[in-house]
C-alpha cells in the first residue's frame, strides 16, 4: 500500500496529481484488494494564490488530501510532516515539478517495493532546446545526464540519492527522517543519503522515470545556488567534508590557496554573473562561481 506525497511551492502540479490518481486507481482495480493508495499534496505557503487554487481543485476532484501550510516551513520539515500523517507503509515522494510520461510508473514502484529499503527512480530532462533565459539550469541538468541511468547510480548508491523521485519503507524513514535544519533550498537529499549509508540501509536505483519540468530561469537558478551554498556552510560536518564546493574549499585552505580563490572570485564576480545570466552560460564558470561564493562566506555576516 502506497502513500504518495507531493510537497509543492508556487508550482502548478495539477496534471501530476491527476495522472498519479489515474494510474493508482487503475492498479487498485486490477489487483482487487491487493493494492491501495492515497495522495497527499501539501502546499508550503505558496505566494501564488492561483496555483494554490488549481492544485487544491485537482487534489479534491481526485479524492486526494490537500494541506495548506499557514507559513513556509521548508522542504525537509514539510516532507517529515507529510510522512507523519500518511496511512500506508510505503512512502513515495515526488517533487511537484515532475511529469509522468510512462503508463506504468506506479506499477513499477509497486513491483519493486521489496527490492530494497529505499527505491530511487530516475530524472529525465525535458526534450528540445533550453527555454530562452533558462540555459544555465538546462545545461547543468544536461551535463548530469551521464550519471542518471541506474547502472551509473548503482556504483555509488548513497551519493546519488535524490528526493525528486523516491520511495521509502516507513520503518526506515521513521528512523532517519529529513534534517529539519535544511530550512532553505539545498542538501536535504545529500544529508539523507549520508544517513542511509551510516545506518547501512539499502538504496536501490531503478530507471523508473519522471521528467523534470521545473527548469528555472538563469537568475532564479543562480539565486538558488547561492542559497544552497549558504545552507552548506551553515550545516557543517559531516556534509562539508563530503560535498563539492566545501570539499574543494577545504583542500584549498590546506594548500594555502583559499584566500587567493576568494580574491579572484570577488575581482571577476560581475563578469561571471554576466556569463551565467546570458544565453550561453559556461558550466565551468558556474562551478567556479559556486566555489568562490562558498569560500567568500567566511567573510560574510549574513550566514
C-alpha atoms as a PDB file:
ATOM      1  CA  UNK A   1       0.000   0.000   0.000  1.00  0.00           C
ATOM      2  CA  UNK A   2       1.457   3.330  -1.058  1.00  0.00           C
ATOM      3  CA  UNK A   3       1.160   6.864   0.284  1.00  0.00           C
ATOM      4  CA  UNK A   4       2.130   9.312  -2.484  1.00  0.00           C
ATOM      5  CA  UNK A   5       3.474  12.564  -1.030  1.00  0.00           C
ATOM      6  CA  UNK A   6       3.819  15.738  -3.122  1.00  0.00           C
ATOM      7  CA  UNK A   7       5.325  18.857  -1.491  1.00  0.00           C
ATOM      8  CA  UNK A   8       4.606  21.964  -3.540  1.00  0.00           C
ATOM      9  CA  UNK A   9       5.544  25.644  -3.559  1.00  0.00           C
ATOM     10  CA  UNK A  10       4.398  28.080  -6.254  1.00  0.00           C
ATOM     11  CA  UNK A  11       4.040  25.392  -8.921  1.00  0.00           C
ATOM     12  CA  UNK A  12       1.042  24.017 -10.832  1.00  0.00           C
ATOM     13  CA  UNK A  13       1.188  20.266 -10.190  1.00  0.00           C
ATOM     14  CA  UNK A  14      -2.436  19.539 -11.143  1.00  0.00           C
ATOM     15  CA  UNK A  15      -1.542  17.280 -14.102  1.00  0.00           C
ATOM     16  CA  UNK A  16       0.859  15.297 -11.912  1.00  0.00           C
ATOM     17  CA  UNK A  17      -1.863  14.763  -9.303  1.00  0.00           C
ATOM     18  CA  UNK A  18      -4.378  13.625 -11.913  1.00  0.00           C
ATOM     19  CA  UNK A  19      -2.008  11.188 -13.628  1.00  0.00           C
ATOM     20  CA  UNK A  20      -0.882   9.670 -10.322  1.00  0.00           C
ATOM     21  CA  UNK A  21      -4.504   9.236  -9.287  1.00  0.00           C
ATOM     22  CA  UNK A  22      -5.450   7.644 -12.619  1.00  0.00           C
ATOM     23  CA  UNK A  23      -2.576   5.142 -12.578  1.00  0.00           C
ATOM     24  CA  UNK A  24      -3.106   4.294  -8.915  1.00  0.00           C
ATOM     25  CA  UNK A  25      -6.851   3.769  -9.335  1.00  0.00           C
ATOM     26  CA  UNK A  26      -6.298   1.534 -12.350  1.00  0.00           C
ATOM     27  CA  UNK A  27      -3.807  -0.608 -10.441  1.00  0.00           C
ATOM     28  CA  UNK A  28      -6.149  -0.819  -7.448  1.00  0.00           C
ATOM     29  CA  UNK A  29      -8.973  -2.084  -9.669  1.00  0.00           C
ATOM     30  CA  UNK A  30      -6.720  -4.603 -11.416  1.00  0.00           C
ATOM     31  CA  UNK A  31      -5.289  -6.051  -8.196  1.00  0.00           C
ATOM     32  CA  UNK A  32      -8.700  -6.078  -6.465  1.00  0.00           C
ATOM     33  CA  UNK A  33      -7.814  -5.536  -2.817  1.00  0.00           C
ATOM     34  CA  UNK A  34      -4.100  -6.305  -3.001  1.00  0.00           C
ATOM     35  CA  UNK A  35      -3.180  -2.660  -3.615  1.00  0.00           C
ATOM     36  CA  UNK A  36      -4.379   0.603  -2.149  1.00  0.00           C
ATOM     37  CA  UNK A  37      -3.108   4.171  -2.205  1.00  0.00           C
ATOM     38  CA  UNK A  38      -3.535   7.732  -1.047  1.00  0.00           C
ATOM     39  CA  UNK A  39      -2.205  11.001  -2.441  1.00  0.00           C
ATOM     40  CA  UNK A  40      -1.266  13.848  -0.112  1.00  0.00           C
ATOM     41  CA  UNK A  41      -0.444  17.285  -1.512  1.00  0.00           C
ATOM     42  CA  UNK A  42       1.000  19.814   0.921  1.00  0.00           C
ATOM     43  CA  UNK A  43       1.495  23.457  -0.088  1.00  0.00           C
ATOM     44  CA  UNK A  44       4.320  25.209   1.753  1.00  0.00           C
ATOM     45  CA  UNK A  45       2.598  28.614   1.980  1.00  0.00           C
ATOM     46  CA  UNK A  46       2.818  29.452  -1.728  1.00  0.00           C
ATOM     47  CA  UNK A  47       2.552  33.122  -2.598  1.00  0.00           C
ATOM     48  CA  UNK A  48       0.849  32.351  -5.934  1.00  0.00           C
ATOM     49  CA  UNK A  49      -2.789  32.046  -4.916  1.00  0.00           C
ATOM     50  CA  UNK A  50      -3.904  30.987  -8.399  1.00  0.00           C
ATOM     51  CA  UNK A  51      -1.593  27.953  -8.349  1.00  0.00           C
ATOM     52  CA  UNK A  52      -2.818  27.161  -4.846  1.00  0.00           C
ATOM     53  CA  UNK A  53      -6.403  27.069  -6.122  1.00  0.00           C
ATOM     54  CA  UNK A  54      -5.532  24.938  -9.178  1.00  0.00           C
ATOM     55  CA  UNK A  55      -3.678  22.367  -7.072  1.00  0.00           C
ATOM     56  CA  UNK A  56      -6.397  22.249  -4.431  1.00  0.00           C
ATOM     57  CA  UNK A  57      -9.064  21.671  -7.063  1.00  0.00           C
ATOM     58  CA  UNK A  58      -7.054  18.868  -8.680  1.00  0.00           C
ATOM     59  CA  UNK A  59      -6.479  17.211  -5.319  1.00  0.00           C
ATOM     60  CA  UNK A  60     -10.103  17.386  -4.232  1.00  0.00           C
ATOM     61  CA  UNK A  61     -11.509  16.183  -7.568  1.00  0.00           C
ATOM     62  CA  UNK A  62      -9.236  13.101  -7.481  1.00  0.00           C
ATOM     63  CA  UNK A  63     -10.016  12.228  -3.884  1.00  0.00           C
ATOM     64  CA  UNK A  64      -6.581  13.330  -2.707  1.00  0.00           C
ATOM     65  CA  UNK A  65      -5.753  15.115   0.537  1.00  0.00           C
ATOM     66  CA  UNK A  66      -4.730  18.778   0.233  1.00  0.00           C
ATOM     67  CA  UNK A  67      -2.956  20.573   3.087  1.00  0.00           C
ATOM     68  CA  UNK A  68      -2.297  24.310   3.072  1.00  0.00           C
ATOM     69  CA  UNK A  69       0.534  25.377   5.363  1.00  0.00           C
ATOM     70  CA  UNK A  70      -0.037  28.725   7.058  1.00  0.00           C
ATOM     71  CA  UNK A  71       3.659  29.606   6.920  1.00  0.00           C
ATOM     72  CA  UNK A  72       6.639  28.338   4.976  1.00  0.00           C
ATOM     73  CA  UNK A  73       8.359  25.552   6.916  1.00  0.00           C
ATOM     74  CA  UNK A  74      10.878  24.326   4.333  1.00  0.00           C
ATOM     75  CA  UNK A  75      11.096  21.156   2.260  1.00  0.00           C
ATOM     76  CA  UNK A  76      12.674  18.933   4.928  1.00  0.00           C
ATOM     77  CA  UNK A  77      10.084  19.790   7.595  1.00  0.00           C
ATOM     78  CA  UNK A  78       7.278  19.563   5.042  1.00  0.00           C
ATOM     79  CA  UNK A  79       8.288  16.060   3.914  1.00  0.00           C
ATOM     80  CA  UNK A  80       8.517  14.864   7.516  1.00  0.00           C
ATOM     81  CA  UNK A  81       5.096  16.306   8.318  1.00  0.00           C
ATOM     82  CA  UNK A  82       3.521  14.599   5.311  1.00  0.00           C
ATOM     83  CA  UNK A  83       5.052  11.263   6.297  1.00  0.00           C
ATOM     84  CA  UNK A  84       3.612  11.671   9.800  1.00  0.00           C
ATOM     85  CA  UNK A  85       0.040  11.762   8.549  1.00  0.00           C
ATOM     86  CA  UNK A  86       0.454   9.157   5.780  1.00  0.00           C
ATOM     87  CA  UNK A  87      -1.501   5.956   6.372  1.00  0.00           C
ATOM     88  CA  UNK A  88       0.494   3.345   4.475  1.00  0.00           C
ATOM     89  CA  UNK A  89       3.838   1.574   4.853  1.00  0.00           C
ATOM     90  CA  UNK A  90       5.341   2.720   1.544  1.00  0.00           C
ATOM     91  CA  UNK A  91       6.097   6.449   1.206  1.00  0.00           C
ATOM     92  CA  UNK A  92       6.520   7.583  -2.402  1.00  0.00           C
ATOM     93  CA  UNK A  93       7.860  11.159  -2.537  1.00  0.00           C
ATOM     94  CA  UNK A  94       7.640  13.097  -5.790  1.00  0.00           C
ATOM     95  CA  UNK A  95       8.644  16.702  -6.438  1.00  0.00           C
ATOM     96  CA  UNK A  96       5.826  18.921  -7.671  1.00  0.00           C
ATOM     97  CA  UNK A  97       7.700  19.915 -10.855  1.00  0.00           C
ATOM     98  CA  UNK A  98       7.773  16.316 -12.109  1.00  0.00           C
ATOM     99  CA  UNK A  99       5.862  14.986 -15.109  1.00  0.00           C
ATOM    100  CA  UNK A 100       4.836  11.374 -15.658  1.00  0.00           C
ATOM    101  CA  UNK A 101       5.315  10.139 -19.214  1.00  0.00           C
ATOM    102  CA  UNK A 102       5.075   6.369 -18.755  1.00  0.00           C
ATOM    103  CA  UNK A 103       1.878   4.386 -18.234  1.00  0.00           C
ATOM    104  CA  UNK A 104       3.340   2.044 -15.607  1.00  0.00           C
ATOM    105  CA  UNK A 105       5.068   4.463 -13.235  1.00  0.00           C
ATOM    106  CA  UNK A 106       3.101   3.418 -10.135  1.00  0.00           C
ATOM    107  CA  UNK A 107       3.078  -0.248 -11.183  1.00  0.00           C
ATOM    108  CA  UNK A 108       6.888  -0.275 -11.396  1.00  0.00           C
ATOM    109  CA  UNK A 109       7.242   1.071  -7.867  1.00  0.00           C
ATOM    110  CA  UNK A 110       4.758  -1.495  -6.582  1.00  0.00           C
ATOM    111  CA  UNK A 111       6.623  -4.325  -8.309  1.00  0.00           C
ATOM    112  CA  UNK A 112       9.988  -3.095  -6.970  1.00  0.00           C
ATOM    113  CA  UNK A 113       8.808  -2.431  -3.415  1.00  0.00           C
ATOM    114  CA  UNK A 114      10.673  -5.351  -1.790  1.00  0.00           C
ATOM    115  CA  UNK A 115      13.971  -4.935  -3.621  1.00  0.00           C
ATOM    116  CA  UNK A 116      15.465  -2.558  -1.031  1.00  0.00           C
ATOM    117  CA  UNK A 117      14.871  -0.257   1.921  1.00  0.00           C
ATOM    118  CA  UNK A 118      14.765   2.756  -0.398  1.00  0.00           C
ATOM    119  CA  UNK A 119      13.916   2.701  -4.128  1.00  0.00           C
ATOM    120  CA  UNK A 120      15.120   5.628  -6.238  1.00  0.00           C
ATOM    121  CA  UNK A 121      13.651   6.269  -9.675  1.00  0.00           C
ATOM    122  CA  UNK A 122      15.359   8.478 -12.218  1.00  0.00           C
ATOM    123  CA  UNK A 123      15.089  12.002 -13.612  1.00  0.00           C
ATOM    124  CA  UNK A 124      14.801  12.879 -17.290  1.00  0.00           C
ATOM    125  CA  UNK A 125      15.357  16.301 -18.818  1.00  0.00           C
ATOM    126  CA  UNK A 126      12.548  17.818 -20.883  1.00  0.00           C
ATOM    127  CA  UNK A 127      13.050  17.309 -24.627  1.00  0.00           C
ATOM    128  CA  UNK A 128      14.077  20.048 -27.013  1.00  0.00           C
ATOM    129  CA  UNK A 129      16.331  23.078 -26.668  1.00  0.00           C
ATOM    130  CA  UNK A 130      16.589  25.111 -23.484  1.00  0.00           C
ATOM    131  CA  UNK A 131      13.798  27.645 -22.956  1.00  0.00           C
ATOM    132  CA  UNK A 132      15.083  31.161 -23.601  1.00  0.00           C
ATOM    133  CA  UNK A 133      16.511  32.611 -20.403  1.00  0.00           C
ATOM    134  CA  UNK A 134      16.779  29.172 -18.754  1.00  0.00           C
ATOM    135  CA  UNK A 135      20.004  27.986 -20.375  1.00  0.00           C
ATOM    136  CA  UNK A 136      22.068  27.685 -17.198  1.00  0.00           C
ATOM    137  CA  UNK A 137      19.823  25.177 -15.406  1.00  0.00           C
ATOM    138  CA  UNK A 138      19.199  23.295 -18.644  1.00  0.00           C
ATOM    139  CA  UNK A 139      22.916  22.909 -19.389  1.00  0.00           C
ATOM    140  CA  UNK A 140      23.597  21.934 -15.790  1.00  0.00           C
ATOM    141  CA  UNK A 141      20.988  19.173 -15.953  1.00  0.00           C
ATOM    142  CA  UNK A 142      22.176  18.003 -19.386  1.00  0.00           C
ATOM    143  CA  UNK A 143      25.726  17.642 -18.073  1.00  0.00           C
ATOM    144  CA  UNK A 144      24.406  15.459 -15.245  1.00  0.00           C
ATOM    145  CA  UNK A 145      22.660  13.089 -17.658  1.00  0.00           C
ATOM    146  CA  UNK A 146      25.556  10.640 -17.869  1.00  0.00           C
ATOM    147  CA  UNK A 147      25.046   9.801 -14.184  1.00  0.00           C
ATOM    148  CA  UNK A 148      21.280   9.315 -14.480  1.00  0.00           C
ATOM    149  CA  UNK A 149      20.993   5.660 -15.678  1.00  0.00           C
ATOM    150  CA  UNK A 150      20.503   3.185 -12.819  1.00  0.00           C
ATOM    151  CA  UNK A 151      23.672   1.344 -13.829  1.00  0.00           C
ATOM    152  CA  UNK A 152      25.717   4.511 -13.168  1.00  0.00           C
ATOM    153  CA  UNK A 153      23.982   5.459  -9.905  1.00  0.00           C
ATOM    154  CA  UNK A 154      24.269   1.927  -8.510  1.00  0.00           C
ATOM    155  CA  UNK A 155      28.073   2.332  -8.399  1.00  0.00           C
ATOM    156  CA  UNK A 156      27.652   4.942  -5.637  1.00  0.00           C
ATOM    157  CA  UNK A 157      24.052   4.468  -4.444  1.00  0.00           C
ATOM    158  CA  UNK A 158      24.162   6.814  -1.448  1.00  0.00           C
ATOM    159  CA  UNK A 159      25.846   9.644  -3.349  1.00  0.00           C
ATOM    160  CA  UNK A 160      23.105   9.599  -5.974  1.00  0.00           C
ATOM    161  CA  UNK A 161      20.175   9.531  -3.568  1.00  0.00           C
ATOM    162  CA  UNK A 162      17.602  12.135  -4.640  1.00  0.00           C
ATOM    163  CA  UNK A 163      14.298  13.314  -3.228  1.00  0.00           C
ATOM    164  CA  UNK A 164      12.900  14.026  -6.702  1.00  0.00           C
ATOM    165  CA  UNK A 165      11.525  10.528  -7.268  1.00  0.00           C
ATOM    166  CA  UNK A 166      11.966   8.104  -4.363  1.00  0.00           C
ATOM    167  CA  UNK A 167      10.099   5.552  -2.236  1.00  0.00           C
ATOM    168  CA  UNK A 168      10.870   4.656   1.404  1.00  0.00           C
ATOM    169  CA  UNK A 169       9.707   1.828   3.577  1.00  0.00           C
ATOM    170  CA  UNK A 170       8.114   3.633   6.510  1.00  0.00           C
ATOM    171  CA  UNK A 171      10.187   1.906   9.201  1.00  0.00           C
ATOM    172  CA  UNK A 172      13.355   3.166   7.510  1.00  0.00           C
ATOM    173  CA  UNK A 173      12.082   6.721   7.112  1.00  0.00           C
ATOM    174  CA  UNK A 174      10.899   6.948  10.706  1.00  0.00           C
ATOM    175  CA  UNK A 175      14.367   6.047  11.986  1.00  0.00           C
ATOM    176  CA  UNK A 176      16.146   8.695   9.905  1.00  0.00           C
ATOM    177  CA  UNK A 177      13.827  11.433   8.581  1.00  0.00           C
ATOM    178  CA  UNK A 178      14.937  14.609   6.837  1.00  0.00           C
ATOM    179  CA  UNK A 179      17.190  17.007   8.720  1.00  0.00           C
ATOM    180  CA  UNK A 180      14.986  19.999   9.569  1.00  0.00           C
ATOM    181  CA  UNK A 181      17.980  22.303   9.778  1.00  0.00           C
ATOM    182  CA  UNK A 182      17.536  22.407   5.995  1.00  0.00           C
ATOM    183  CA  UNK A 183      15.115  25.320   6.072  1.00  0.00           C
ATOM    184  CA  UNK A 184      16.063  26.636   2.620  1.00  0.00           C
ATOM    185  CA  UNK A 185      16.896  25.211  -0.793  1.00  0.00           C
ATOM    186  CA  UNK A 186      19.566  22.533  -0.975  1.00  0.00           C
ATOM    187  CA  UNK A 187      21.196  19.487   0.586  1.00  0.00           C
ATOM    188  CA  UNK A 188      18.369  17.718   2.439  1.00  0.00           C
ATOM    189  CA  UNK A 189      18.774  14.859  -0.036  1.00  0.00           C
ATOM    190  CA  UNK A 190      22.578  14.742   0.388  1.00  0.00           C
ATOM    191  CA  UNK A 191      22.226  14.564   4.166  1.00  0.00           C
ATOM    192  CA  UNK A 192      19.626  11.816   3.843  1.00  0.00           C
ATOM    193  CA  UNK A 193      21.999   9.829   1.621  1.00  0.00           C
ATOM    194  CA  UNK A 194      24.730  10.106   4.259  1.00  0.00           C
ATOM    195  CA  UNK A 195      22.359   8.928   6.982  1.00  0.00           C
ATOM    196  CA  UNK A 196      21.180   5.966   4.910  1.00  0.00           C
ATOM    197  CA  UNK A 197      24.814   4.971   4.389  1.00  0.00           C
ATOM    198  CA  UNK A 198      25.648   5.416   8.085  1.00  0.00           C
ATOM    199  CA  UNK A 199      22.849   3.048   9.082  1.00  0.00           C
ATOM    200  CA  UNK A 200      23.566   0.589   6.235  1.00  0.00           C
ATOM    201  CA  UNK A 201      20.125   0.783   4.639  1.00  0.00           C
ATOM    202  CA  UNK A 202      19.957  -0.482   1.078  1.00  0.00           C
ATOM    203  CA  UNK A 203      19.321   2.097  -1.667  1.00  0.00           C
ATOM    204  CA  UNK A 204      18.217   0.534  -4.951  1.00  0.00           C
ATOM    205  CA  UNK A 205      18.311   2.638  -8.125  1.00  0.00           C
ATOM    206  CA  UNK A 206      15.928   1.965 -10.997  1.00  0.00           C
ATOM    207  CA  UNK A 207      15.162   3.578 -14.349  1.00  0.00           C
ATOM    208  CA  UNK A 208      11.530   4.329 -13.446  1.00  0.00           C
ATOM    209  CA  UNK A 209      11.460   7.880 -14.842  1.00  0.00           C
ATOM    210  CA  UNK A 210       9.945  11.289 -14.285  1.00  0.00           C
ATOM    211  CA  UNK A 211      10.604  14.378 -16.397  1.00  0.00           C
ATOM    212  CA  UNK A 212      11.906  17.409 -14.533  1.00  0.00           C
ATOM    213  CA  UNK A 213       9.751  20.277 -15.798  1.00  0.00           C
ATOM    214  CA  UNK A 214      10.842  22.958 -13.358  1.00  0.00           C
ATOM    215  CA  UNK A 215      13.699  24.462 -15.362  1.00  0.00           C
ATOM    216  CA  UNK A 216      14.447  27.710 -13.518  1.00  0.00           C
ATOM    217  CA  UNK A 217      15.388  30.950 -15.195  1.00  0.00           C
ATOM    218  CA  UNK A 218      19.105  31.762 -15.153  1.00  0.00           C
ATOM    219  CA  UNK A 219      18.581  34.394 -12.482  1.00  0.00           C
ATOM    220  CA  UNK A 220      16.431  32.120 -10.303  1.00  0.00           C
ATOM    221  CA  UNK A 221      18.859  29.208 -10.563  1.00  0.00           C
ATOM    222  CA  UNK A 222      21.835  31.398  -9.661  1.00  0.00           C
ATOM    223  CA  UNK A 223      19.932  32.685  -6.630  1.00  0.00           C
ATOM    224  CA  UNK A 224      19.027  29.121  -5.615  1.00  0.00           C
ATOM    225  CA  UNK A 225      22.662  28.112  -5.969  1.00  0.00           C
ATOM    226  CA  UNK A 226      23.749  30.902  -3.631  1.00  0.00           C
ATOM    227  CA  UNK A 227      21.082  29.805  -1.143  1.00  0.00           C
ATOM    228  CA  UNK A 228      22.340  26.221  -1.343  1.00  0.00           C
ATOM    229  CA  UNK A 229      25.933  27.336  -0.715  1.00  0.00           C
ATOM    230  CA  UNK A 230      24.806  29.233   2.393  1.00  0.00           C
ATOM    231  CA  UNK A 231      22.938  26.158   3.632  1.00  0.00           C
ATOM    232  CA  UNK A 232      26.018  24.021   3.049  1.00  0.00           C
ATOM    233  CA  UNK A 233      28.128  26.488   5.025  1.00  0.00           C
ATOM    234  CA  UNK A 234      25.651  26.516   7.921  1.00  0.00           C
ATOM    235  CA  UNK A 235      25.171  22.753   8.118  1.00  0.00           C
ATOM    236  CA  UNK A 236      28.829  21.959   8.769  1.00  0.00           C
ATOM    237  CA  UNK A 237      30.098  18.396   9.157  1.00  0.00           C
ATOM    238  CA  UNK A 238      29.671  15.705   8.001  1.00  0.00           C
ATOM    239  CA  UNK A 239      28.276  17.399   4.899  1.00  0.00           C
ATOM    240  CA  UNK A 240      31.126  19.847   4.364  1.00  0.00           C
ATOM    241  CA  UNK A 241      33.696  17.088   4.041  1.00  0.00           C
ATOM    242  CA  UNK A 242      31.530  15.219   1.571  1.00  0.00           C
ATOM    243  CA  UNK A 243      30.178  17.707  -0.931  1.00  0.00           C
ATOM    244  CA  UNK A 244      31.670  19.513  -3.957  1.00  0.00           C
ATOM    245  CA  UNK A 245      32.411  23.137  -3.132  1.00  0.00           C
ATOM    246  CA  UNK A 246      33.056  22.577   0.576  1.00  0.00           C
ATOM    247  CA  UNK A 247      35.398  19.654  -0.054  1.00  0.00           C
ATOM    248  CA  UNK A 248      37.412  21.637  -2.596  1.00  0.00           C
ATOM    249  CA  UNK A 249      37.461  24.674  -0.284  1.00  0.00           C
ATOM    250  CA  UNK A 250      38.976  22.538   2.479  1.00  0.00           C
ATOM    251  CA  UNK A 251      41.733  21.405   0.137  1.00  0.00           C
ATOM    252  CA  UNK A 252      42.412  24.972  -0.962  1.00  0.00           C
ATOM    253  CA  UNK A 253      42.729  26.030   2.665  1.00  0.00           C
ATOM    254  CA  UNK A 254      45.154  23.189   3.333  1.00  0.00           C
ATOM    255  CA  UNK A 255      47.239  24.286   0.336  1.00  0.00           C
ATOM    256  CA  UNK A 256      47.016  27.978   1.413  1.00  0.00           C
ATOM    257  CA  UNK A 257      45.097  28.853  -1.764  1.00  0.00           C
ATOM    258  CA  UNK A 258      41.685  29.679  -0.345  1.00  0.00           C
ATOM    259  CA  UNK A 259      42.439  33.385   0.141  1.00  0.00           C
ATOM    260  CA  UNK A 260      43.625  33.673  -3.479  1.00  0.00           C
ATOM    261  CA  UNK A 261      40.448  31.946  -4.669  1.00  0.00           C
ATOM    262  CA  UNK A 262      38.274  34.411  -2.750  1.00  0.00           C
ATOM    263  CA  UNK A 263      40.167  37.360  -4.147  1.00  0.00           C
ATOM    264  CA  UNK A 264      39.898  36.079  -7.720  1.00  0.00           C
ATOM    265  CA  UNK A 265      36.181  35.398  -7.288  1.00  0.00           C
ATOM    266  CA  UNK A 266      35.485  38.874  -5.939  1.00  0.00           C
ATOM    267  CA  UNK A 267      37.511  40.537  -8.696  1.00  0.00           C
ATOM    268  CA  UNK A 268      35.629  38.783 -11.527  1.00  0.00           C
ATOM    269  CA  UNK A 269      32.237  38.205  -9.872  1.00  0.00           C
ATOM    270  CA  UNK A 270      30.369  40.602 -12.157  1.00  0.00           C
ATOM    271  CA  UNK A 271      31.987  39.073 -15.247  1.00  0.00           C
ATOM    272  CA  UNK A 272      30.996  35.603 -14.070  1.00  0.00           C
ATOM    273  CA  UNK A 273      27.423  36.714 -13.443  1.00  0.00           C
ATOM    274  CA  UNK A 274      27.241  38.303 -16.883  1.00  0.00           C
ATOM    275  CA  UNK A 275      28.168  34.981 -18.477  1.00  0.00           C
ATOM    276  CA  UNK A 276      25.906  32.865 -16.271  1.00  0.00           C
ATOM    277  CA  UNK A 277      22.886  35.082 -16.918  1.00  0.00           C
ATOM    278  CA  UNK A 278      23.472  35.064 -20.679  1.00  0.00           C
ATOM    279  CA  UNK A 279      22.086  32.700 -23.322  1.00  0.00           C
ATOM    280  CA  UNK A 280      25.445  30.876 -23.490  1.00  0.00           C
ATOM    281  CA  UNK A 281      26.494  30.179 -19.893  1.00  0.00           C
ATOM    282  CA  UNK A 282      29.606  28.126 -19.116  1.00  0.00           C
ATOM    283  CA  UNK A 283      29.239  25.243 -16.650  1.00  0.00           C
ATOM    284  CA  UNK A 284      32.956  25.507 -15.899  1.00  0.00           C
ATOM    285  CA  UNK A 285      32.478  29.139 -14.844  1.00  0.00           C
ATOM    286  CA  UNK A 286      29.343  28.149 -12.933  1.00  0.00           C
ATOM    287  CA  UNK A 287      31.352  25.630 -10.896  1.00  0.00           C
ATOM    288  CA  UNK A 288      33.961  28.280 -10.110  1.00  0.00           C
ATOM    289  CA  UNK A 289      31.209  30.718  -9.136  1.00  0.00           C
ATOM    290  CA  UNK A 290      29.867  28.191  -6.605  1.00  0.00           C
ATOM    291  CA  UNK A 291      33.330  27.594  -5.175  1.00  0.00           C
ATOM    292  CA  UNK A 292      34.159  31.290  -4.975  1.00  0.00           C
ATOM    293  CA  UNK A 293      30.811  32.161  -3.415  1.00  0.00           C
ATOM    294  CA  UNK A 294      31.240  29.392  -0.837  1.00  0.00           C
ATOM    295  CA  UNK A 295      34.781  30.489   0.039  1.00  0.00           C
ATOM    296  CA  UNK A 296      33.665  34.111   0.401  1.00  0.00           C
ATOM    297  CA  UNK A 297      31.111  33.145   3.058  1.00  0.00           C
ATOM    298  CA  UNK A 298      33.969  33.188   5.580  1.00  0.00           C
ATOM    299  CA  UNK A 299      33.802  36.990   5.297  1.00  0.00           C
ATOM    300  CA  UNK A 300      30.010  37.276   5.470  1.00  0.00           C
ATOM    301  CA  UNK A 301      27.884  38.323   8.414  1.00  0.00           C
ATOM    302  CA  UNK A 302      24.654  37.082   6.800  1.00  0.00           C
ATOM    303  CA  UNK A 303      25.038  33.316   7.389  1.00  0.00           C
END
